[in-house]
PDB file of N, CA and C in Angstrom:
ATOM      1  N   MET A   1      10.388  24.111  -9.472  1.00  0.00           N
ATOM      2  CA  MET A   1       9.530  23.294  -8.965  1.00  0.00           C
ATOM      3  C   MET A   1       9.778  22.005  -9.841  1.00  0.00           C
ATOM      4  N   LEU A   2       9.451  21.018  -9.162  1.00  0.00           N
ATOM      5  CA  LEU A   2      10.051  19.781  -9.620  1.00  0.00           C
ATOM      6  C   LEU A   2       8.602  19.062 -10.002  1.00  0.00           C
ATOM      7  N   VAL A   3       8.215  18.481 -10.965  1.00  0.00           N
ATOM      8  CA  VAL A   3       6.631  17.855 -11.383  1.00  0.00           C
ATOM      9  C   VAL A   3       7.045  16.433 -11.497  1.00  0.00           C
ATOM     10  N   VAL A   4       6.605  15.538 -10.848  1.00  0.00           N
ATOM     11  CA  VAL A   4       6.709  13.987 -11.211  1.00  0.00           C
ATOM     12  C   VAL A   4       5.286  13.272 -11.303  1.00  0.00           C
ATOM     13  N   VAL A   5       5.159  12.910 -12.887  1.00  0.00           N
ATOM     14  CA  VAL A   5       4.153  12.245 -13.137  1.00  0.00           C
ATOM     15  C   VAL A   5       4.451  10.557 -13.824  1.00  0.00           C
ATOM     16  N   ALA A   6       3.844   9.732 -13.230  1.00  0.00           N
ATOM     17  CA  ALA A   6       4.206   8.534 -13.770  1.00  0.00           C
ATOM     18  C   ALA A   6       5.593   7.991 -13.917  1.00  0.00           C
ATOM     19  N   GLY A   7       6.127   8.131 -12.751  1.00  0.00           N
ATOM     20  CA  GLY A   7       7.834   7.973 -12.999  1.00  0.00           C
ATOM     21  C   GLY A   7       8.630   9.091 -13.527  1.00  0.00           C
ATOM     22  N   GLN A   8       7.927  10.075 -14.168  1.00  0.00           N
ATOM     23  CA  GLN A   8       8.867  11.074 -15.070  1.00  0.00           C
ATOM     24  C   GLN A   8       8.846  12.480 -14.475  1.00  0.00           C
ATOM     25  N   SER A   9       9.928  13.147 -14.194  1.00  0.00           N
ATOM     26  CA  SER A   9       9.820  14.314 -13.528  1.00  0.00           C
ATOM     27  C   SER A   9      10.984  15.003 -14.639  1.00  0.00           C
ATOM     28  N   ARG A  10      10.093  16.516 -14.052  1.00  0.00           N
ATOM     29  CA  ARG A  10      10.544  17.765 -15.126  1.00  0.00           C
ATOM     30  C   ARG A  10      10.624  18.974 -14.277  1.00  0.00           C
ATOM     31  N   SER A  11      11.677  19.726 -14.592  1.00  0.00           N
ATOM     32  CA  SER A  11      11.717  20.712 -13.535  1.00  0.00           C
ATOM     33  C   SER A  11      10.827  22.065 -14.079  1.00  0.00           C
ATOM     34  N   ILE A  12      10.105  22.521 -13.431  1.00  0.00           N
ATOM     35  CA  ILE A  12       9.242  23.798 -14.040  1.00  0.00           C
ATOM     36  C   ILE A  12       9.234  24.745 -13.426  1.00  0.00           C
ATOM     37  N   ALA A  13       9.275  25.935 -14.302  1.00  0.00           N
ATOM     38  CA  ALA A  13       9.321  27.310 -13.489  1.00  0.00           C
ATOM     39  C   ALA A  13       7.830  27.839 -13.667  1.00  0.00           C
ATOM     40  N   ALA A  14       7.436  28.216 -12.252  1.00  0.00           N
ATOM     41  CA  ALA A  14       6.243  28.605 -11.976  1.00  0.00           C
ATOM     42  C   ALA A  14       5.948  29.806 -11.090  1.00  0.00           C
ATOM     43  N   ARG A  15       4.748  30.710 -11.350  1.00  0.00           N
ATOM     44  CA  ARG A  15       4.628  31.402 -10.221  1.00  0.00           C
ATOM     45  C   ARG A  15       3.828  31.100  -9.053  1.00  0.00           C
ATOM     46  N   ILE A  16       4.499  31.619  -7.741  1.00  0.00           N
ATOM     47  CA  ILE A  16       3.737  31.047  -6.705  1.00  0.00           C
ATOM     48  C   ILE A  16       3.458  32.389  -5.798  1.00  0.00           C
ATOM     49  N   HIS A  17       2.370  32.185  -5.098  1.00  0.00           N
ATOM     50  CA  HIS A  17       2.070  33.304  -4.460  1.00  0.00           C
ATOM     51  C   HIS A  17       1.482  32.586  -3.225  1.00  0.00           C
ATOM     52  N   TYR A  18       2.447  33.145  -2.187  1.00  0.00           N
ATOM     53  CA  TYR A  18       1.841  32.998  -0.391  1.00  0.00           C
ATOM     54  C   TYR A  18       1.222  33.943   0.075  1.00  0.00           C
ATOM     55  N   ASP A  19       0.645  34.072   1.154  1.00  0.00           N
ATOM     56  CA  ASP A  19      -0.153  34.739   2.127  1.00  0.00           C
ATOM     57  C   ASP A  19       0.040  34.149   3.479  1.00  0.00           C
ATOM     58  N   LEU A  20       0.665  35.218   4.052  1.00  0.00           N
ATOM     59  CA  LEU A  20       1.120  34.484   5.550  1.00  0.00           C
ATOM     60  C   LEU A  20      -0.178  35.164   6.588  1.00  0.00           C
ATOM     61  N   ARG A  21      -0.724  34.104   7.473  1.00  0.00           N
ATOM     62  CA  ARG A  21      -1.758  34.520   8.027  1.00  0.00           C
ATOM     63  C   ARG A  21      -1.424  34.478   9.808  1.00  0.00           C
ATOM     64  N   ALA A  22      -2.218  34.768  10.258  1.00  0.00           N
ATOM     65  CA  ALA A  22      -1.882  34.200  11.973  1.00  0.00           C
ATOM     66  C   ALA A  22      -1.561  32.955  12.467  1.00  0.00           C
ATOM     67  N   ASP A  23      -1.961  31.926  12.030  1.00  0.00           N
ATOM     68  CA  ASP A  23      -1.512  30.802  11.998  1.00  0.00           C
ATOM     69  C   ASP A  23      -1.579  29.734  10.884  1.00  0.00           C
ATOM     70  N   GLU A  24      -1.316  30.284   9.722  1.00  0.00           N
ATOM     71  CA  GLU A  24      -1.177  29.445   8.754  1.00  0.00           C
ATOM     72  C   GLU A  24      -0.494  30.333   7.423  1.00  0.00           C
ATOM     73  N   MET A  25      -0.186  29.679   6.380  1.00  0.00           N
ATOM     74  CA  MET A  25       0.236  30.102   5.434  1.00  0.00           C
ATOM     75  C   MET A  25      -0.341  29.415   4.010  1.00  0.00           C
ATOM     76  N   VAL A  26      -0.651  30.211   3.286  1.00  0.00           N
ATOM     77  CA  VAL A  26      -1.559  29.653   2.202  1.00  0.00           C
ATOM     78  C   VAL A  26      -0.679  29.856   0.899  1.00  0.00           C
ATOM     79  N   ILE A  27      -0.318  29.056   0.232  1.00  0.00           N
ATOM     80  CA  ILE A  27       0.338  29.008  -1.046  1.00  0.00           C
ATOM     81  C   ILE A  27      -0.442  28.377  -1.980  1.00  0.00           C
ATOM     82  N   THR A  28      -0.407  29.567  -3.552  1.00  0.00           N
ATOM     83  CA  THR A  28      -1.359  29.052  -4.362  1.00  0.00           C
ATOM     84  C   THR A  28      -0.199  29.238  -5.384  1.00  0.00           C
ATOM     85  N   GLY A  29      -0.735  28.922  -6.589  1.00  0.00           N
ATOM     86  CA  GLY A  29       0.140  28.948  -8.020  1.00  0.00           C
ATOM     87  C   GLY A  29      -0.483  27.947  -8.881  1.00  0.00           C
ATOM     88  N   GLU A  30      -0.260  28.582 -10.440  1.00  0.00           N
ATOM     89  CA  GLU A  30      -0.676  27.445 -11.492  1.00  0.00           C
ATOM     90  C   GLU A  30       0.345  27.866 -12.548  1.00  0.00           C
ATOM     91  N   PHE A  31       0.564  26.624 -13.328  1.00  0.00           N
ATOM     92  CA  PHE A  31       1.589  26.627 -14.672  1.00  0.00           C
ATOM     93  C   PHE A  31       0.666  25.866 -15.792  1.00  0.00           C
ATOM     94  N   PRO A  32       1.490  26.241 -16.787  1.00  0.00           N
ATOM     95  CA  PRO A  32       0.841  25.464 -18.089  1.00  0.00           C
ATOM     96  C   PRO A  32       1.655  23.944 -18.126  1.00  0.00           C
ATOM     97  N   LEU A  33       1.226  22.793 -18.474  1.00  0.00           N
ATOM     98  CA  LEU A  33       2.217  21.333 -18.653  1.00  0.00           C
ATOM     99  C   LEU A  33       1.548  20.731 -19.935  1.00  0.00           C
ATOM    100  N   LYS A  34       2.356  20.053 -20.589  1.00  0.00           N
ATOM    101  CA  LYS A  34       2.043  19.145 -21.542  1.00  0.00           C
ATOM    102  C   LYS A  34       2.288  17.792 -21.178  1.00  0.00           C
ATOM    103  N   GLN A  35       1.300  16.928 -21.662  1.00  0.00           N
ATOM    104  CA  GLN A  35       1.500  15.513 -21.079  1.00  0.00           C
ATOM    105  C   GLN A  35       2.906  14.880 -22.110  1.00  0.00           C
ATOM    106  N   THR A  36       3.098  15.558 -22.992  1.00  0.00           N
ATOM    107  CA  THR A  36       4.386  15.007 -23.783  1.00  0.00           C
ATOM    108  C   THR A  36       5.310  15.357 -22.902  1.00  0.00           C
ATOM    109  N   ASP A  37       5.478  16.445 -22.090  1.00  0.00           N
ATOM    110  CA  ASP A  37       6.702  16.943 -21.755  1.00  0.00           C
ATOM    111  C   ASP A  37       7.052  15.918 -20.527  1.00  0.00           C
ATOM    112  N   LEU A  38       6.111  15.241 -20.616  1.00  0.00           N
ATOM    113  CA  LEU A  38       6.428  14.386 -19.155  1.00  0.00           C
ATOM    114  C   LEU A  38       6.563  12.932 -19.572  1.00  0.00           C
ATOM    115  N   GLY A  39       6.484  12.885 -21.186  1.00  0.00           N
ATOM    116  CA  GLY A  39       6.456  11.435 -21.701  1.00  0.00           C
ATOM    117  C   GLY A  39       5.533  10.666 -21.691  1.00  0.00           C
ATOM    118  N   LEU A  40       4.217  11.345 -21.619  1.00  0.00           N
ATOM    119  CA  LEU A  40       3.068  10.644 -21.802  1.00  0.00           C
ATOM    120  C   LEU A  40       2.480  10.695 -23.200  1.00  0.00           C
ATOM    121  N   THR A  41       1.593  10.118 -23.498  1.00  0.00           N
ATOM    122  CA  THR A  41       0.856   9.765 -24.787  1.00  0.00           C
ATOM    123  C   THR A  41      -0.380  10.402 -24.657  1.00  0.00           C
ATOM    124  N   PRO A  42      -1.186  11.402 -25.261  1.00  0.00           N
ATOM    125  CA  PRO A  42      -2.509  12.048 -24.704  1.00  0.00           C
ATOM    126  C   PRO A  42      -3.406  11.000 -25.434  1.00  0.00           C
ATOM    127  N   TYR A  43      -4.392  10.794 -24.707  1.00  0.00           N
ATOM    128  CA  TYR A  43      -5.507   9.926 -24.713  1.00  0.00           C
ATOM    129  C   TYR A  43      -6.351   9.972 -26.001  1.00  0.00           C
ATOM    130  N   SER A  44      -6.229   8.870 -27.030  1.00  0.00           N
ATOM    131  CA  SER A  44      -7.002   8.787 -28.130  1.00  0.00           C
ATOM    132  C   SER A  44      -7.838   7.603 -28.159  1.00  0.00           C
ATOM    133  N   LEU A  45      -9.022   7.948 -28.845  1.00  0.00           N
ATOM    134  CA  LEU A  45      -9.826   6.707 -29.063  1.00  0.00           C
ATOM    135  C   LEU A  45     -10.505   6.796 -30.561  1.00  0.00           C
ATOM    136  N   ALA A  46     -10.912   5.909 -31.131  1.00  0.00           N
ATOM    137  CA  ALA A  46     -11.329   5.439 -32.231  1.00  0.00           C
ATOM    138  C   ALA A  46     -10.399   6.559 -33.859  1.00  0.00           C
ATOM    139  N   GLY A  47      -9.154   5.621 -33.367  1.00  0.00           N
ATOM    140  CA  GLY A  47      -8.348   6.524 -34.902  1.00  0.00           C
ATOM    141  C   GLY A  47      -8.318   7.661 -34.579  1.00  0.00           C
ATOM    142  N   GLY A  48      -8.301   8.333 -33.279  1.00  0.00           N
ATOM    143  CA  GLY A  48      -8.023   9.724 -33.186  1.00  0.00           C
ATOM    144  C   GLY A  48      -9.177  10.754 -33.223  1.00  0.00           C
ATOM    145  N   VAL A  49     -10.534  10.223 -33.746  1.00  0.00           N
ATOM    146  CA  VAL A  49     -11.823  11.017 -33.647  1.00  0.00           C
ATOM    147  C   VAL A  49     -11.736  11.594 -32.065  1.00  0.00           C
ATOM    148  N   ILE A  50     -11.655  10.995 -31.445  1.00  0.00           N
ATOM    149  CA  ILE A  50     -11.757  11.438 -29.940  1.00  0.00           C
ATOM    150  C   ILE A  50     -10.494  11.357 -29.135  1.00  0.00           C
ATOM    151  N   LYS A  51      -9.988  12.700 -28.748  1.00  0.00           N
ATOM    152  CA  LYS A  51      -8.881  12.923 -28.185  1.00  0.00           C
ATOM    153  C   LYS A  51      -8.604  13.931 -27.247  1.00  0.00           C
ATOM    154  N   VAL A  52      -7.489  13.903 -25.934  1.00  0.00           N
ATOM    155  CA  VAL A  52      -7.541  14.763 -25.431  1.00  0.00           C
ATOM    156  C   VAL A  52      -6.206  15.695 -25.480  1.00  0.00           C
ATOM    157  N   ARG A  53      -6.599  16.816 -25.478  1.00  0.00           N
ATOM    158  CA  ARG A  53      -5.380  17.683 -25.856  1.00  0.00           C
ATOM    159  C   ARG A  53      -4.276  17.566 -24.879  1.00  0.00           C
ATOM    160  N   ASP A  54      -3.001  17.559 -25.443  1.00  0.00           N
ATOM    161  CA  ASP A  54      -1.928  17.583 -24.762  1.00  0.00           C
ATOM    162  C   ASP A  54      -1.676  18.840 -23.895  1.00  0.00           C
ATOM    163  N   GLY A  55      -1.941  19.817 -23.772  1.00  0.00           N
ATOM    164  CA  GLY A  55      -2.056  21.034 -22.840  1.00  0.00           C
ATOM    165  C   GLY A  55      -2.659  21.057 -21.734  1.00  0.00           C
ATOM    166  N   MET A  56      -2.275  21.392 -20.627  1.00  0.00           N
ATOM    167  CA  MET A  56      -3.175  21.832 -19.280  1.00  0.00           C
ATOM    168  C   MET A  56      -2.724  22.699 -18.475  1.00  0.00           C
ATOM    169  N   THR A  57      -3.490  23.073 -17.382  1.00  0.00           N
ATOM    170  CA  THR A  57      -3.068  23.990 -16.585  1.00  0.00           C
ATOM    171  C   THR A  57      -3.349  23.346 -15.246  1.00  0.00           C
ATOM    172  N   VAL A  58      -1.976  23.338 -14.722  1.00  0.00           N
ATOM    173  CA  VAL A  58      -2.180  22.553 -13.493  1.00  0.00           C
ATOM    174  C   VAL A  58      -2.273  23.816 -12.009  1.00  0.00           C
ATOM    175  N   ARG A  59      -3.061  23.700 -11.371  1.00  0.00           N
ATOM    176  CA  ARG A  59      -3.337  24.861 -10.268  1.00  0.00           C
ATOM    177  C   ARG A  59      -3.134  23.944  -8.942  1.00  0.00           C
ATOM    178  N   LEU A  60      -2.532  24.735  -8.162  1.00  0.00           N
ATOM    179  CA  LEU A  60      -1.965  24.218  -6.646  1.00  0.00           C
ATOM    180  C   LEU A  60      -2.679  25.015  -5.920  1.00  0.00           C
ATOM    181  N   SER A  61      -2.870  24.662  -4.447  1.00  0.00           N
ATOM    182  CA  SER A  61      -3.134  24.988  -3.514  1.00  0.00           C
ATOM    183  C   SER A  61      -2.818  24.486  -2.208  1.00  0.00           C
ATOM    184  N   LEU A  62      -1.887  24.875  -1.306  1.00  0.00           N
ATOM    185  CA  LEU A  62      -1.196  24.384  -0.149  1.00  0.00           C
ATOM    186  C   LEU A  62      -1.639  25.426   1.220  1.00  0.00           C
ATOM    187  N   ILE A  63      -2.121  24.623   2.309  1.00  0.00           N
ATOM    188  CA  ILE A  63      -2.306  25.438   3.620  1.00  0.00           C
ATOM    189  C   ILE A  63      -1.348  24.771   4.711  1.00  0.00           C
ATOM    190  N   ALA A  64      -0.683  25.731   4.999  1.00  0.00           N
ATOM    191  CA  ALA A  64       0.306  25.177   6.148  1.00  0.00           C
ATOM    192  C   ALA A  64      -0.099  25.664   7.315  1.00  0.00           C
ATOM    193  N   ARG A  65      -0.938  25.091   8.525  1.00  0.00           N
ATOM    194  CA  ARG A  65      -1.420  25.307   9.568  1.00  0.00           C
ATOM    195  C   ARG A  65       0.032  25.178  10.779  1.00  0.00           C
ATOM    196  N   ARG A  66       0.057  26.204  11.746  1.00  0.00           N
ATOM    197  CA  ARG A  66       1.023  26.148  12.828  1.00  0.00           C
ATOM    198  C   ARG A  66       0.219  24.939  13.911  1.00  0.00           C
ATOM    199  N   VAL A  67       1.000  24.106  14.357  1.00  0.00           N
ATOM    200  CA  VAL A  67       0.670  23.190  15.599  1.00  0.00           C
ATOM    201  C   VAL A  67       1.093  23.529  16.742  1.00  0.00           C
ATOM    202  N   ARG A  68       0.233  23.884  17.806  1.00  0.00           N
ATOM    203  CA  ARG A  68       0.694  24.105  18.912  1.00  0.00           C
ATOM    204  C   ARG A  68       0.845  22.859  19.509  1.00  0.00           C
ATOM    205  N   VAL A  69       2.019  22.642  20.416  1.00  0.00           N
ATOM    206  CA  VAL A  69       2.440  21.393  21.012  1.00  0.00           C
ATOM    207  C   VAL A  69       2.574  21.825  22.845  1.00  0.00           C
ATOM    208  N   SER A  70       1.645  21.024  23.222  1.00  0.00           N
ATOM    209  CA  SER A  70       1.407  21.208  24.641  1.00  0.00           C
ATOM    210  C   SER A  70       3.153  21.005  25.231  1.00  0.00           C
ATOM    211  N   ALA A  71       3.589  21.694  26.109  1.00  0.00           N
ATOM    212  CA  ALA A  71       4.678  21.322  27.201  1.00  0.00           C
ATOM    213  C   ALA A  71       4.731  20.392  27.955  1.00  0.00           C
ATOM    214  N   THR A  72       3.253  19.786  28.620  1.00  0.00           N
ATOM    215  CA  THR A  72       2.968  18.912  29.450  1.00  0.00           C
ATOM    216  C   THR A  72       3.312  17.713  28.807  1.00  0.00           C
ATOM    217  N   ARG A  73       3.591  16.738  29.575  1.00  0.00           N
ATOM    218  CA  ARG A  73       3.733  15.496  29.172  1.00  0.00           C
ATOM    219  C   ARG A  73       3.145  14.194  30.119  1.00  0.00           C
TER     220      ARG A  73
END
């Protein structure tokens, strides 16, 4: 999977699950990501007294639904 944030892109290996239903497909997954892997500096305030962790977990959910198109025009 290719992740692009703030103009920086990285290829990431992630486990993705899909579920096929009658008229839709649901895709879900999650993967760890570090801000520094994308060239970002984790937020820090007051000389580092308050800061945001570098690591995070990205969770995704995508629902693709079938669209039925009428044959009449």
